[in-house]
Amino acid sequence: MVVVANLRHLSCSDTPSLETFRPEGPFGIYILAMVGPAGEPGEESFGFTLCTPEWFAENMKDTHVPGRHFLFVKEYDYPALERYVRGYCQKCMGNSWKETAEKVGLFGSWEFENYTP
């Protein structure tokens, strides 16, 4: 059985609503994508920083910064963001939820990455 990832919803502790969020100028926010197996119950969090290149440049603390778990945009557009993340998730599939979640984890930091029971 192939397990496909499904975006349940996006949230951000910096704003009560991503749908009504309206940044002025360069911005960077940390977003949680709640994702679970399509057609099955449950969801897990995958976090990423959504930012403009200008914000990223202004906030670099070191001369080198790895780019994992960043999504760069020219401007904030919630419907486009949701479509992008949903489309990315739908391309992530595997023979188990763990295998599928590891693929989603390349996009956002998975809450269970490197977890050992």
PDB file of N, CA and C in Angstrom:
ATOM      1  N   MET A   1       0.841  -1.188   0.000  1.00  0.00           N
ATOM      2  CA  MET A   1       0.000   0.000   0.000  1.00  0.00           C
ATOM      3  C   MET A   1       0.885   1.250   0.000  1.00  0.00           C
ATOM      4  N   VAL A   2       0.612   2.162  -0.884  1.00  0.00           N
ATOM      5  CA  VAL A   2       1.369   3.409  -0.965  1.00  0.00           C
ATOM      6  C   VAL A   2       0.728   4.446  -0.045  1.00  0.00           C
ATOM      7  N   VAL A   3       1.551   5.086   0.768  1.00  0.00           N
ATOM      8  CA  VAL A   3       1.083   6.120   1.692  1.00  0.00           C
ATOM      9  C   VAL A   3       1.472   7.475   1.112  1.00  0.00           C
ATOM     10  N   VAL A   4       0.477   8.335   0.910  1.00  0.00           N
ATOM     11  CA  VAL A   4       0.688   9.671   0.349  1.00  0.00           C
ATOM     12  C   VAL A   4       0.464  10.705   1.442  1.00  0.00           C
ATOM     13  N   ALA A   5       1.324  11.728   1.479  1.00  0.00           N
ATOM     14  CA  ALA A   5       1.186  12.798   2.474  1.00  0.00           C
ATOM     15  C   ALA A   5       0.061  13.748   2.082  1.00  0.00           C
ATOM     16  N   ASN A   6      -0.652  14.243   3.090  1.00  0.00           N
ATOM     17  CA  ASN A   6      -1.745  15.187   2.864  1.00  0.00           C
ATOM     18  C   ASN A   6      -1.626  16.350   3.850  1.00  0.00           C
ATOM     19  N   LEU A   7      -1.565  17.572   3.323  1.00  0.00           N
ATOM     20  CA  LEU A   7      -1.530  18.759   4.176  1.00  0.00           C
ATOM     21  C   LEU A   7      -2.887  18.930   4.840  1.00  0.00           C
ATOM     22  N   ARG A   8      -2.900  19.003   6.169  1.00  0.00           N
ATOM     23  CA  ARG A   8      -4.146  19.246   6.904  1.00  0.00           C
ATOM     24  C   ARG A   8      -4.364  20.747   7.084  1.00  0.00           C
ATOM     25  N   HIS A   9      -3.335  21.452   7.579  1.00  0.00           N
ATOM     26  CA  HIS A   9      -3.441  22.907   7.711  1.00  0.00           C
ATOM     27  C   HIS A   9      -2.074  23.509   8.014  1.00  0.00           C
ATOM     28  N   LEU A  10      -1.986  24.827   7.842  1.00  0.00           N
ATOM     29  CA  LEU A  10      -0.786  25.603   8.146  1.00  0.00           C
ATOM     30  C   LEU A  10      -1.093  26.530   9.308  1.00  0.00           C
ATOM     31  N   SER A  11      -0.115  26.738  10.191  1.00  0.00           N
ATOM     32  CA  SER A  11      -0.310  27.666  11.304  1.00  0.00           C
ATOM     33  C   SER A  11       1.004  28.366  11.621  1.00  0.00           C
ATOM     34  N   CYS A  12       0.873  29.456  12.387  1.00  0.00           N
ATOM     35  CA  CYS A  12       2.038  30.246  12.768  1.00  0.00           C
ATOM     36  C   CYS A  12       1.746  30.927  14.093  1.00  0.00           C
ATOM     37  N   SER A  13       2.655  30.787  15.053  1.00  0.00           N
ATOM     38  CA  SER A  13       2.433  31.412  16.360  1.00  0.00           C
ATOM     39  C   SER A  13       2.635  32.926  16.316  1.00  0.00           C
ATOM     40  N   ASP A  14       3.202  33.454  15.227  1.00  0.00           N
ATOM     41  CA  ASP A  14       3.434  34.895  15.102  1.00  0.00           C
ATOM     42  C   ASP A  14       2.196  35.677  14.673  1.00  0.00           C
ATOM     43  N   THR A  15       1.194  34.977  14.187  1.00  0.00           N
ATOM     44  CA  THR A  15      -0.018  35.648  13.716  1.00  0.00           C
ATOM     45  C   THR A  15      -1.229  34.745  13.976  1.00  0.00           C
ATOM     46  N   PRO A  16      -2.357  35.321  14.366  1.00  0.00           N
ATOM     47  CA  PRO A  16      -3.537  34.491  14.626  1.00  0.00           C
ATOM     48  C   PRO A  16      -4.100  33.839  13.360  1.00  0.00           C
ATOM     49  N   SER A  17      -3.814  34.438  12.191  1.00  0.00           N
ATOM     50  CA  SER A  17      -4.365  33.902  10.953  1.00  0.00           C
ATOM     51  C   SER A  17      -3.403  34.134   9.793  1.00  0.00           C
ATOM     52  N   LEU A  18      -2.936  33.051   9.208  1.00  0.00           N
ATOM     53  CA  LEU A  18      -2.084  33.192   8.025  1.00  0.00           C
ATOM     54  C   LEU A  18      -2.873  33.747   6.843  1.00  0.00           C
ATOM     55  N   GLU A  19      -4.177  33.491   6.829  1.00  0.00           N
ATOM     56  CA  GLU A  19      -5.015  33.976   5.734  1.00  0.00           C
ATOM     57  C   GLU A  19      -5.099  35.499   5.718  1.00  0.00           C
ATOM     58  N   THR A  20      -5.082  36.130   6.891  1.00  0.00           N
ATOM     59  CA  THR A  20      -5.210  37.593   6.959  1.00  0.00           C
ATOM     60  C   THR A  20      -3.881  38.296   7.238  1.00  0.00           C
ATOM     61  N   PHE A  21      -2.803  37.549   7.396  1.00  0.00           N
ATOM     62  CA  PHE A  21      -1.475  38.114   7.645  1.00  0.00           C
ATOM     63  C   PHE A  21      -1.073  39.005   6.467  1.00  0.00           C
ATOM     64  N   ARG A  22      -0.615  40.215   6.756  1.00  0.00           N
ATOM     65  CA  ARG A  22      -0.195  41.168   5.723  1.00  0.00           C
ATOM     66  C   ARG A  22       1.126  41.815   6.140  1.00  0.00           C
ATOM     67  N   PRO A  23       2.256  41.193   5.804  1.00  0.00           N
ATOM     68  CA  PRO A  23       3.538  41.788   6.187  1.00  0.00           C
ATOM     69  C   PRO A  23       3.818  43.054   5.389  1.00  0.00           C
ATOM     70  N   GLU A  24       4.524  43.967   6.028  1.00  0.00           N
ATOM     71  CA  GLU A  24       4.942  45.194   5.354  1.00  0.00           C
ATOM     72  C   GLU A  24       6.443  45.103   5.138  1.00  0.00           C
ATOM     73  N   GLY A  25       6.855  45.008   3.901  1.00  0.00           N
ATOM     74  CA  GLY A  25       8.277  44.916   3.598  1.00  0.00           C
ATOM     75  C   GLY A  25       8.808  43.506   3.784  1.00  0.00           C
ATOM     76  N   PRO A  26      10.139  43.382   3.863  1.00  0.00           N
ATOM     77  CA  PRO A  26      10.750  42.067   4.035  1.00  0.00           C
ATOM     78  C   PRO A  26      10.242  41.393   5.314  1.00  0.00           C
ATOM     79  N   PHE A  27      10.043  40.086   5.257  1.00  0.00           N
ATOM     80  CA  PHE A  27       9.506  39.376   6.420  1.00  0.00           C
ATOM     81  C   PHE A  27      10.067  37.967   6.494  1.00  0.00           C
ATOM     82  N   GLY A  28       9.989  37.405   7.691  1.00  0.00           N
ATOM     83  CA  GLY A  28      10.320  36.011   7.924  1.00  0.00           C
ATOM     84  C   GLY A  28       9.447  35.499   9.055  1.00  0.00           C
ATOM     85  N   ILE A  29       8.766  34.383   8.839  1.00  0.00           N
ATOM     86  CA  ILE A  29       7.914  33.780   9.863  1.00  0.00           C
ATOM     87  C   ILE A  29       8.122  32.267   9.860  1.00  0.00           C
ATOM     88  N   TYR A  30       7.963  31.682  11.041  1.00  0.00           N
ATOM     89  CA  TYR A  30       8.094  30.233  11.174  1.00  0.00           C
ATOM     90  C   TYR A  30       6.702  29.622  11.091  1.00  0.00           C
ATOM     91  N   ILE A  31       6.544  28.690  10.170  1.00  0.00           N
ATOM     92  CA  ILE A  31       5.239  28.081   9.908  1.00  0.00           C
ATOM     93  C   ILE A  31       5.289  26.589  10.222  1.00  0.00           C
ATOM     94  N   LEU A  32       4.213  26.099  10.811  1.00  0.00           N
ATOM     95  CA  LEU A  32       4.051  24.663  11.019  1.00  0.00           C
ATOM     96  C   LEU A  32       3.042  24.137  10.010  1.00  0.00           C
ATOM     97  N   ALA A  33       3.466  23.143   9.255  1.00  0.00           N
ATOM     98  CA  ALA A  33       2.569  22.434   8.352  1.00  0.00           C
ATOM     99  C   ALA A  33       2.168  21.154   9.062  1.00  0.00           C
ATOM    100  N   MET A  34       0.883  20.989   9.286  1.00  0.00           N
ATOM    101  CA  MET A  34       0.381  19.762   9.900  1.00  0.00           C
ATOM    102  C   MET A  34       0.012  18.812   8.764  1.00  0.00           C
ATOM    103  N   VAL A  35       0.695  17.683   8.728  1.00  0.00           N
ATOM    104  CA  VAL A  35       0.588  16.755   7.604  1.00  0.00           C
ATOM    105  C   VAL A  35       0.333  15.354   8.143  1.00  0.00           C
ATOM    106  N   GLY A  36      -0.506  14.619   7.439  1.00  0.00           N
ATOM    107  CA  GLY A  36      -0.792  13.238   7.815  1.00  0.00           C
ATOM    108  C   GLY A  36      -0.979  12.386   6.581  1.00  0.00           C
ATOM    109  N   PRO A  37      -1.160  11.089   6.771  1.00  0.00           N
ATOM    110  CA  PRO A  37      -1.380  10.206   5.633  1.00  0.00           C
ATOM    111  C   PRO A  37      -2.769  10.436   5.023  1.00  0.00           C
ATOM    112  N   ALA A  38      -2.824  10.561   3.709  1.00  0.00           N
ATOM    113  CA  ALA A  38      -4.099  10.788   3.019  1.00  0.00           C
ATOM    114  C   ALA A  38      -5.071   9.652   3.332  1.00  0.00           C
ATOM    115  N   GLY A  39      -6.299  10.031   3.676  1.00  0.00           N
ATOM    116  CA  GLY A  39      -7.342   9.055   3.942  1.00  0.00           C
ATOM    117  C   GLY A  39      -7.242   8.354   5.283  1.00  0.00           C
ATOM    118  N   GLU A  40      -6.307   8.772   6.117  1.00  0.00           N
ATOM    119  CA  GLU A  40      -6.110   8.159   7.430  1.00  0.00           C
ATOM    120  C   GLU A  40      -6.132   9.245   8.500  1.00  0.00           C
ATOM    121  N   PRO A  41      -6.434   8.885   9.742  1.00  0.00           N
ATOM    122  CA  PRO A  41      -6.398   9.878  10.823  1.00  0.00           C
ATOM    123  C   PRO A  41      -4.956  10.192  11.224  1.00  0.00           C
ATOM    124  N   GLY A  42      -4.802  11.296  11.930  1.00  0.00           N
ATOM    125  CA  GLY A  42      -3.504  11.660  12.479  1.00  0.00           C
ATOM    126  C   GLY A  42      -2.781  12.704  11.659  1.00  0.00           C
ATOM    127  N   GLU A  43      -1.918  13.433  12.354  1.00  0.00           N
ATOM    128  CA  GLU A  43      -1.107  14.458  11.706  1.00  0.00           C
ATOM    129  C   GLU A  43       0.124  14.715  12.554  1.00  0.00           C
ATOM    130  N   GLU A  44       1.176  15.176  11.910  1.00  0.00           N
ATOM    131  CA  GLU A  44       2.422  15.509  12.588  1.00  0.00           C
ATOM    132  C   GLU A  44       2.920  16.833  12.034  1.00  0.00           C
ATOM    133  N   SER A  45       3.767  17.520  12.810  1.00  0.00           N
ATOM    134  CA  SER A  45       4.202  18.858  12.400  1.00  0.00           C
ATOM    135  C   SER A  45       5.525  18.829  11.643  1.00  0.00           C
ATOM    136  N   PHE A  46       5.594  19.720  10.652  1.00  0.00           N
ATOM    137  CA  PHE A  46       6.784  19.940   9.842  1.00  0.00           C
ATOM    138  C   PHE A  46       6.975  21.452   9.775  1.00  0.00           C
ATOM    139  N   GLY A  47       8.050  21.956  10.361  1.00  0.00           N
ATOM    140  CA  GLY A  47       8.248  23.399  10.450  1.00  0.00           C
ATOM    141  C   GLY A  47       9.227  23.932   9.426  1.00  0.00           C
ATOM    142  N   PHE A  48       8.958  25.146   8.956  1.00  0.00           N
ATOM    143  CA  PHE A  48       9.857  25.804   8.010  1.00  0.00           C
ATOM    144  C   PHE A  48       9.745  27.314   8.169  1.00  0.00           C
ATOM    145  N   THR A  49      10.782  28.010   7.752  1.00  0.00           N
ATOM    146  CA  THR A  49      10.777  29.467   7.762  1.00  0.00           C
ATOM    147  C   THR A  49      10.400  29.959   6.375  1.00  0.00           C
ATOM    148  N   LEU A  50       9.343  30.748   6.311  1.00  0.00           N
ATOM    149  CA  LEU A  50       8.922  31.399   5.075  1.00  0.00           C
ATOM    150  C   LEU A  50       9.472  32.814   5.127  1.00  0.00           C
ATOM    151  N   CYS A  51      10.241  33.209   4.121  1.00  0.00           N
ATOM    152  CA  CYS A  51      10.836  34.541   4.171  1.00  0.00           C
ATOM    153  C   CYS A  51      11.151  35.079   2.786  1.00  0.00           C
ATOM    154  N   THR A  52      11.362  36.388   2.753  1.00  0.00           N
ATOM    155  CA  THR A  52      11.843  37.030   1.536  1.00  0.00           C
ATOM    156  C   THR A  52      13.368  36.959   1.542  1.00  0.00           C
ATOM    157  N   PRO A  53      13.995  36.973   0.369  1.00  0.00           N
ATOM    158  CA  PRO A  53      15.460  36.981   0.330  1.00  0.00           C
ATOM    159  C   PRO A  53      16.052  38.174   1.081  1.00  0.00           C
ATOM    160  N   GLU A  54      15.378  39.312   1.031  1.00  0.00           N
ATOM    161  CA  GLU A  54      15.868  40.509   1.730  1.00  0.00           C
ATOM    162  C   GLU A  54      15.884  40.294   3.242  1.00  0.00           C
ATOM    163  N   TRP A  55      14.821  39.722   3.770  1.00  0.00           N
ATOM    164  CA  TRP A  55      14.761  39.441   5.207  1.00  0.00           C
ATOM    165  C   TRP A  55      15.869  38.482   5.598  1.00  0.00           C
ATOM    166  N   PHE A  56      16.055  37.445   4.785  1.00  0.00           N
ATOM    167  CA  PHE A  56      17.093  36.460   5.073  1.00  0.00           C
ATOM    168  C   PHE A  56      18.465  37.129   5.130  1.00  0.00           C
ATOM    169  N   ALA A  57      18.763  37.967   4.139  1.00  0.00           N
ATOM    170  CA  ALA A  57      20.059  38.655   4.102  1.00  0.00           C
ATOM    171  C   ALA A  57      20.237  39.564   5.315  1.00  0.00           C
ATOM    172  N   GLU A  58      19.199  40.274   5.686  1.00  0.00           N
ATOM    173  CA  GLU A  58      19.269  41.191   6.832  1.00  0.00           C
ATOM    174  C   GLU A  58      19.439  40.450   8.158  1.00  0.00           C
ATOM    175  N   ASN A  59      18.995  39.207   8.224  1.00  0.00           N
ATOM    176  CA  ASN A  59      19.009  38.460   9.484  1.00  0.00           C
ATOM    177  C   ASN A  59      20.075  37.370   9.563  1.00  0.00           C
ATOM    178  N   MET A  60      20.954  37.306   8.583  1.00  0.00           N
ATOM    179  CA  MET A  60      22.046  36.330   8.635  1.00  0.00           C
ATOM    180  C   MET A  60      22.981  36.689   9.776  1.00  0.00           C
ATOM    181  N   LYS A  61      23.215  35.745  10.642  1.00  0.00           N
ATOM    182  CA  LYS A  61      24.101  35.989  11.787  1.00  0.00           C
ATOM    183  C   LYS A  61      25.512  35.471  11.525  1.00  0.00           C
ATOM    184  N   ASP A  62      25.662  34.565  10.574  1.00  0.00           N
ATOM    185  CA  ASP A  62      26.959  33.991  10.226  1.00  0.00           C
ATOM    186  C   ASP A  62      27.224  34.196   8.737  1.00  0.00           C
ATOM    187  N   THR A  63      28.455  33.939   8.328  1.00  0.00           N
ATOM    188  CA  THR A  63      28.788  34.094   6.910  1.00  0.00           C
ATOM    189  C   THR A  63      28.224  32.962   6.063  1.00  0.00           C
ATOM    190  N   HIS A  64      27.923  31.823   6.684  1.00  0.00           N
ATOM    191  CA  HIS A  64      27.347  30.676   5.981  1.00  0.00           C
ATOM    192  C   HIS A  64      26.127  30.181   6.756  1.00  0.00           C
ATOM    193  N   VAL A  65      25.042  29.948   6.041  1.00  0.00           N
ATOM    194  CA  VAL A  65      23.813  29.449   6.665  1.00  0.00           C
ATOM    195  C   VAL A  65      23.259  28.338   5.777  1.00  0.00           C
ATOM    196  N   PRO A  66      23.090  27.119   6.306  1.00  0.00           N
ATOM    197  CA  PRO A  66      22.491  26.068   5.487  1.00  0.00           C
ATOM    198  C   PRO A  66      21.040  26.430   5.155  1.00  0.00           C
ATOM    199  N   GLY A  67      20.593  26.069   3.973  1.00  0.00           N
ATOM    200  CA  GLY A  67      19.269  26.483   3.523  1.00  0.00           C
ATOM    201  C   GLY A  67      18.144  25.509   3.784  1.00  0.00           C
ATOM    202  N   ARG A  68      18.402  24.462   4.539  1.00  0.00           N
ATOM    203  CA  ARG A  68      17.351  23.476   4.788  1.00  0.00           C
ATOM    204  C   ARG A  68      16.222  24.085   5.613  1.00  0.00           C
ATOM    205  N   HIS A  69      15.000  23.772   5.240  1.00  0.00           N
ATOM    206  CA  HIS A  69      13.783  24.188   5.943  1.00  0.00           C
ATOM    207  C   HIS A  69      13.505  25.685   5.818  1.00  0.00           C
ATOM    208  N   PHE A  70      13.912  26.272   4.718  1.00  0.00           N
ATOM    209  CA  PHE A  70      13.566  27.654   4.366  1.00  0.00           C
ATOM    210  C   PHE A  70      12.783  27.616   3.063  1.00  0.00           C
ATOM    211  N   LEU A  71      11.785  28.478   2.946  1.00  0.00           N
ATOM    212  CA  LEU A  71      11.060  28.656   1.697  1.00  0.00           C
ATOM    213  C   LEU A  71      11.089  30.141   1.390  1.00  0.00           C
ATOM    214  N   PHE A  72      11.676  30.494   0.253  1.00  0.00           N
ATOM    215  CA  PHE A  72      11.828  31.895  -0.128  1.00  0.00           C
ATOM    216  C   PHE A  72      10.706  32.327  -1.065  1.00  0.00           C
ATOM    217  N   VAL A  73      10.180  33.513  -0.819  1.00  0.00           N
ATOM    218  CA  VAL A  73       9.121  34.078  -1.658  1.00  0.00           C
ATOM    219  C   VAL A  73       9.422  35.547  -1.942  1.00  0.00           C
ATOM    220  N   LYS A  74       8.940  36.039  -3.075  1.00  0.00           N
ATOM    221  CA  LYS A  74       9.096  37.460  -3.396  1.00  0.00           C
ATOM    222  C   LYS A  74       8.122  38.307  -2.596  1.00  0.00           C
ATOM    223  N   GLU A  75       6.918  37.749  -2.368  1.00  0.00           N
ATOM    224  CA  GLU A  75       5.895  38.449  -1.595  1.00  0.00           C
ATOM    225  C   GLU A  75       4.990  37.411  -0.945  1.00  0.00           C
ATOM    226  N   TYR A  76       4.265  37.846   0.071  1.00  0.00           N
ATOM    227  CA  TYR A  76       3.385  36.934   0.795  1.00  0.00           C
ATOM    228  C   TYR A  76       2.069  36.765   0.047  1.00  0.00           C
ATOM    229  N   ASP A  77       1.702  35.519  -0.191  1.00  0.00           N
ATOM    230  CA  ASP A  77       0.453  35.178  -0.874  1.00  0.00           C
ATOM    231  C   ASP A  77      -0.022  33.852  -0.273  1.00  0.00           C
ATOM    232  N   TYR A  78      -0.966  33.926   0.675  1.00  0.00           N
ATOM    233  CA  TYR A  78      -1.377  32.719   1.386  1.00  0.00           C
ATOM    234  C   TYR A  78      -1.938  31.638   0.464  1.00  0.00           C
ATOM    235  N   PRO A  79      -2.865  31.949  -0.447  1.00  0.00           N
ATOM    236  CA  PRO A  79      -3.372  30.873  -1.307  1.00  0.00           C
ATOM    237  C   PRO A  79      -2.257  30.180  -2.106  1.00  0.00           C
ATOM    238  N   ALA A  80      -1.293  30.956  -2.603  1.00  0.00           N
ATOM    239  CA  ALA A  80      -0.176  30.366  -3.348  1.00  0.00           C
ATOM    240  C   ALA A  80       0.695  29.505  -2.431  1.00  0.00           C
ATOM    241  N   LEU A  81       0.908  29.965  -1.199  1.00  0.00           N
ATOM    242  CA  LEU A  81       1.685  29.200  -0.222  1.00  0.00           C
ATOM    243  C   LEU A  81       1.010  27.862   0.063  1.00  0.00           C
ATOM    244  N   GLU A  82      -0.279  27.909   0.337  1.00  0.00           N
ATOM    245  CA  GLU A  82      -1.003  26.675   0.642  1.00  0.00           C
ATOM    246  C   GLU A  82      -0.976  25.709  -0.550  1.00  0.00           C
ATOM    247  N   ARG A  83      -1.163  26.227  -1.758  1.00  0.00           N
ATOM    248  CA  ARG A  83      -1.105  25.378  -2.960  1.00  0.00           C
ATOM    249  C   ARG A  83       0.273  24.727  -3.096  1.00  0.00           C
ATOM    250  N   TYR A  84       1.310  25.521  -2.864  1.00  0.00           N
ATOM    251  CA  TYR A  84       2.674  25.007  -2.999  1.00  0.00           C
ATOM    252  C   TYR A  84       2.937  23.882  -1.996  1.00  0.00           C
ATOM    253  N   VAL A  85       2.624  24.114  -0.733  1.00  0.00           N
ATOM    254  CA  VAL A  85       2.887  23.107   0.302  1.00  0.00           C
ATOM    255  C   VAL A  85       2.021  21.872   0.064  1.00  0.00           C
ATOM    256  N   ARG A  86       0.758  22.070  -0.292  1.00  0.00           N
ATOM    257  CA  ARG A  86      -0.134  20.935  -0.566  1.00  0.00           C
ATOM    258  C   ARG A  86       0.410  20.109  -1.738  1.00  0.00           C
ATOM    259  N   GLY A  87       0.837  20.794  -2.794  1.00  0.00           N
ATOM    260  CA  GLY A  87       1.392  20.097  -3.955  1.00  0.00           C
ATOM    261  C   GLY A  87       2.662  19.335  -3.619  1.00  0.00           C
ATOM    262  N   TYR A  88       3.522  19.952  -2.809  1.00  0.00           N
ATOM    263  CA  TYR A  88       4.746  19.272  -2.383  1.00  0.00           C
ATOM    264  C   TYR A  88       4.394  17.999  -1.620  1.00  0.00           C
ATOM    265  N   CYS A  89       3.461  18.111  -0.683  1.00  0.00           N
ATOM    266  CA  CYS A  89       3.064  16.956   0.127  1.00  0.00           C
ATOM    267  C   CYS A  89       2.517  15.830  -0.739  1.00  0.00           C
ATOM    268  N   GLN A  90       1.706  16.166  -1.718  1.00  0.00           N
ATOM    269  CA  GLN A  90       1.087  15.146  -2.564  1.00  0.00           C
ATOM    270  C   GLN A  90       2.116  14.364  -3.377  1.00  0.00           C
ATOM    271  N   LYS A  91       3.300  14.948  -3.569  1.00  0.00           N
ATOM    272  CA  LYS A  91       4.373  14.252  -4.292  1.00  0.00           C
ATOM    273  C   LYS A  91       5.175  13.331  -3.375  1.00  0.00           C
ATOM    274  N   CYS A  92       4.947  13.438  -2.064  1.00  0.00           N
ATOM    275  CA  CYS A  92       5.676  12.616  -1.092  1.00  0.00           C
ATOM    276  C   CYS A  92       4.889  11.346  -0.812  1.00  0.00           C
ATOM    277  N   MET A  93       5.471  10.213  -1.159  1.00  0.00           N
ATOM    278  CA  MET A  93       4.808   8.934  -0.922  1.00  0.00           C
ATOM    279  C   MET A  93       5.838   7.865  -0.618  1.00  0.00           C
ATOM    280  N   GLY A  94       5.378   6.829   0.053  1.00  0.00           N
ATOM    281  CA  GLY A  94       6.256   5.722   0.408  1.00  0.00           C
ATOM    282  C   GLY A  94       5.449   4.509   0.806  1.00  0.00           C
ATOM    283  N   ASN A  95       6.143   3.471   1.243  1.00  0.00           N
ATOM    284  CA  ASN A  95       5.484   2.224   1.639  1.00  0.00           C
ATOM    285  C   ASN A  95       4.984   2.251   3.073  1.00  0.00           C
ATOM    286  N   SER A  96       5.331   3.309   3.815  1.00  0.00           N
ATOM    287  CA  SER A  96       4.877   3.469   5.199  1.00  0.00           C
ATOM    288  C   SER A  96       4.773   4.964   5.484  1.00  0.00           C
ATOM    289  N   TRP A  97       4.089   5.313   6.590  1.00  0.00           N
ATOM    290  CA  TRP A  97       4.022   6.729   6.955  1.00  0.00           C
ATOM    291  C   TRP A  97       5.416   7.258   7.277  1.00  0.00           C
ATOM    292  N   LYS A  98       6.242   6.468   7.942  1.00  0.00           N
ATOM    293  CA  LYS A  98       7.597   6.910   8.288  1.00  0.00           C
ATOM    294  C   LYS A  98       8.388   7.266   7.032  1.00  0.00           C
ATOM    295  N   GLU A  99       8.319   6.410   6.036  1.00  0.00           N
ATOM    296  CA  GLU A  99       9.034   6.654   4.781  1.00  0.00           C
ATOM    297  C   GLU A  99       8.511   7.921   4.098  1.00  0.00           C
ATOM    298  N   THR A 100       7.209   8.087   4.098  1.00  0.00           N
ATOM    299  CA  THR A 100       6.595   9.273   3.497  1.00  0.00           C
ATOM    300  C   THR A 100       6.961  10.523   4.285  1.00  0.00           C
ATOM    301  N   ALA A 101       6.868  10.453   5.605  1.00  0.00           N
ATOM    302  CA  ALA A 101       7.173  11.607   6.458  1.00  0.00           C
ATOM    303  C   ALA A 101       8.628  12.040   6.316  1.00  0.00           C
ATOM    304  N   GLU A 102       9.534  11.094   6.118  1.00  0.00           N
ATOM    305  CA  GLU A 102      10.940  11.453   5.911  1.00  0.00           C
ATOM    306  C   GLU A 102      11.101  12.301   4.655  1.00  0.00           C
ATOM    307  N   LYS A 103      10.300  12.040   3.644  1.00  0.00           N
ATOM    308  CA  LYS A 103      10.348  12.843   2.413  1.00  0.00           C
ATOM    309  C   LYS A 103       9.783  14.237   2.656  1.00  0.00           C
ATOM    310  N   VAL A 104       8.676  14.330   3.394  1.00  0.00           N
ATOM    311  CA  VAL A 104       8.129  15.645   3.748  1.00  0.00           C
ATOM    312  C   VAL A 104       9.145  16.393   4.606  1.00  0.00           C
ATOM    313  N   GLY A 105       9.894  15.656   5.426  1.00  0.00           N
ATOM    314  CA  GLY A 105      10.899  16.240   6.303  1.00  0.00           C
ATOM    315  C   GLY A 105      12.041  16.924   5.579  1.00  0.00           C
ATOM    316  N   LEU A 106      12.200  16.673   4.301  1.00  0.00           N
ATOM    317  CA  LEU A 106      13.200  17.408   3.523  1.00  0.00           C
ATOM    318  C   LEU A 106      12.757  18.847   3.310  1.00  0.00           C
ATOM    319  N   PHE A 107      11.460  19.078   3.355  1.00  0.00           N
ATOM    320  CA  PHE A 107      10.891  20.418   3.191  1.00  0.00           C
ATOM    321  C   PHE A 107      10.799  21.147   4.526  1.00  0.00           C
ATOM    322  N   GLY A 108      10.225  20.488   5.519  1.00  0.00           N
ATOM    323  CA  GLY A 108      10.046  21.087   6.838  1.00  0.00           C
ATOM    324  C   GLY A 108      10.588  20.174   7.918  1.00  0.00           C
ATOM    325  N   SER A 109      11.045  20.746   8.994  1.00  0.00           N
ATOM    326  CA  SER A 109      11.624  19.978  10.094  1.00  0.00           C
ATOM    327  C   SER A 109      10.546  19.126  10.771  1.00  0.00           C
ATOM    328  N   TRP A 110      10.652  17.816  10.622  1.00  0.00           N
ATOM    329  CA  TRP A 110       9.671  16.866  11.145  1.00  0.00           C
ATOM    330  C   TRP A 110       9.847  16.717  12.648  1.00  0.00           C
ATOM    331  N   GLU A 111       8.762  16.777  13.379  1.00  0.00           N
ATOM    332  CA  GLU A 111       8.829  16.677  14.836  1.00  0.00           C
ATOM    333  C   GLU A 111       9.449  15.365  15.306  1.00  0.00           C
ATOM    334  N   PHE A 112       9.419  14.320  14.480  1.00  0.00           N
ATOM    335  CA  PHE A 112       9.977  13.025  14.868  1.00  0.00           C
ATOM    336  C   PHE A 112      11.277  12.688  14.136  1.00  0.00           C
ATOM    337  N   GLU A 113      11.890  13.670  13.490  1.00  0.00           N
ATOM    338  CA  GLU A 113      13.160  13.425  12.813  1.00  0.00           C
ATOM    339  C   GLU A 113      14.195  12.968  13.847  1.00  0.00           C
ATOM    340  N   ASN A 114      14.907  11.912  13.508  1.00  0.00           N
ATOM    341  CA  ASN A 114      15.940  11.331  14.380  1.00  0.00           C
ATOM    342  C   ASN A 114      15.380  10.753  15.679  1.00  0.00           C
ATOM    343  N   TYR A 115      14.071  10.527  15.734  1.00  0.00           N
ATOM    344  CA  TYR A 115      13.459   9.936  16.934  1.00  0.00           C
ATOM    345  C   TYR A 115      13.825   8.457  17.028  1.00  0.00           C
ATOM    346  N   THR A 116      14.220   8.038  18.220  1.00  0.00           N
ATOM    347  CA  THR A 116      14.503   6.635  18.488  1.00  0.00           C
ATOM    348  C   THR A 116      13.698   6.219  19.714  1.00  0.00           C
ATOM    349  N   PRO A 117      12.805   5.225  19.558  1.00  0.00           N
ATOM    350  CA  PRO A 117      11.989   4.804  20.709  1.00  0.00           C
ATOM    351  C   PRO A 117      12.817   4.128  21.789  1.00  0.00           C
TER     352      PRO A 117
END
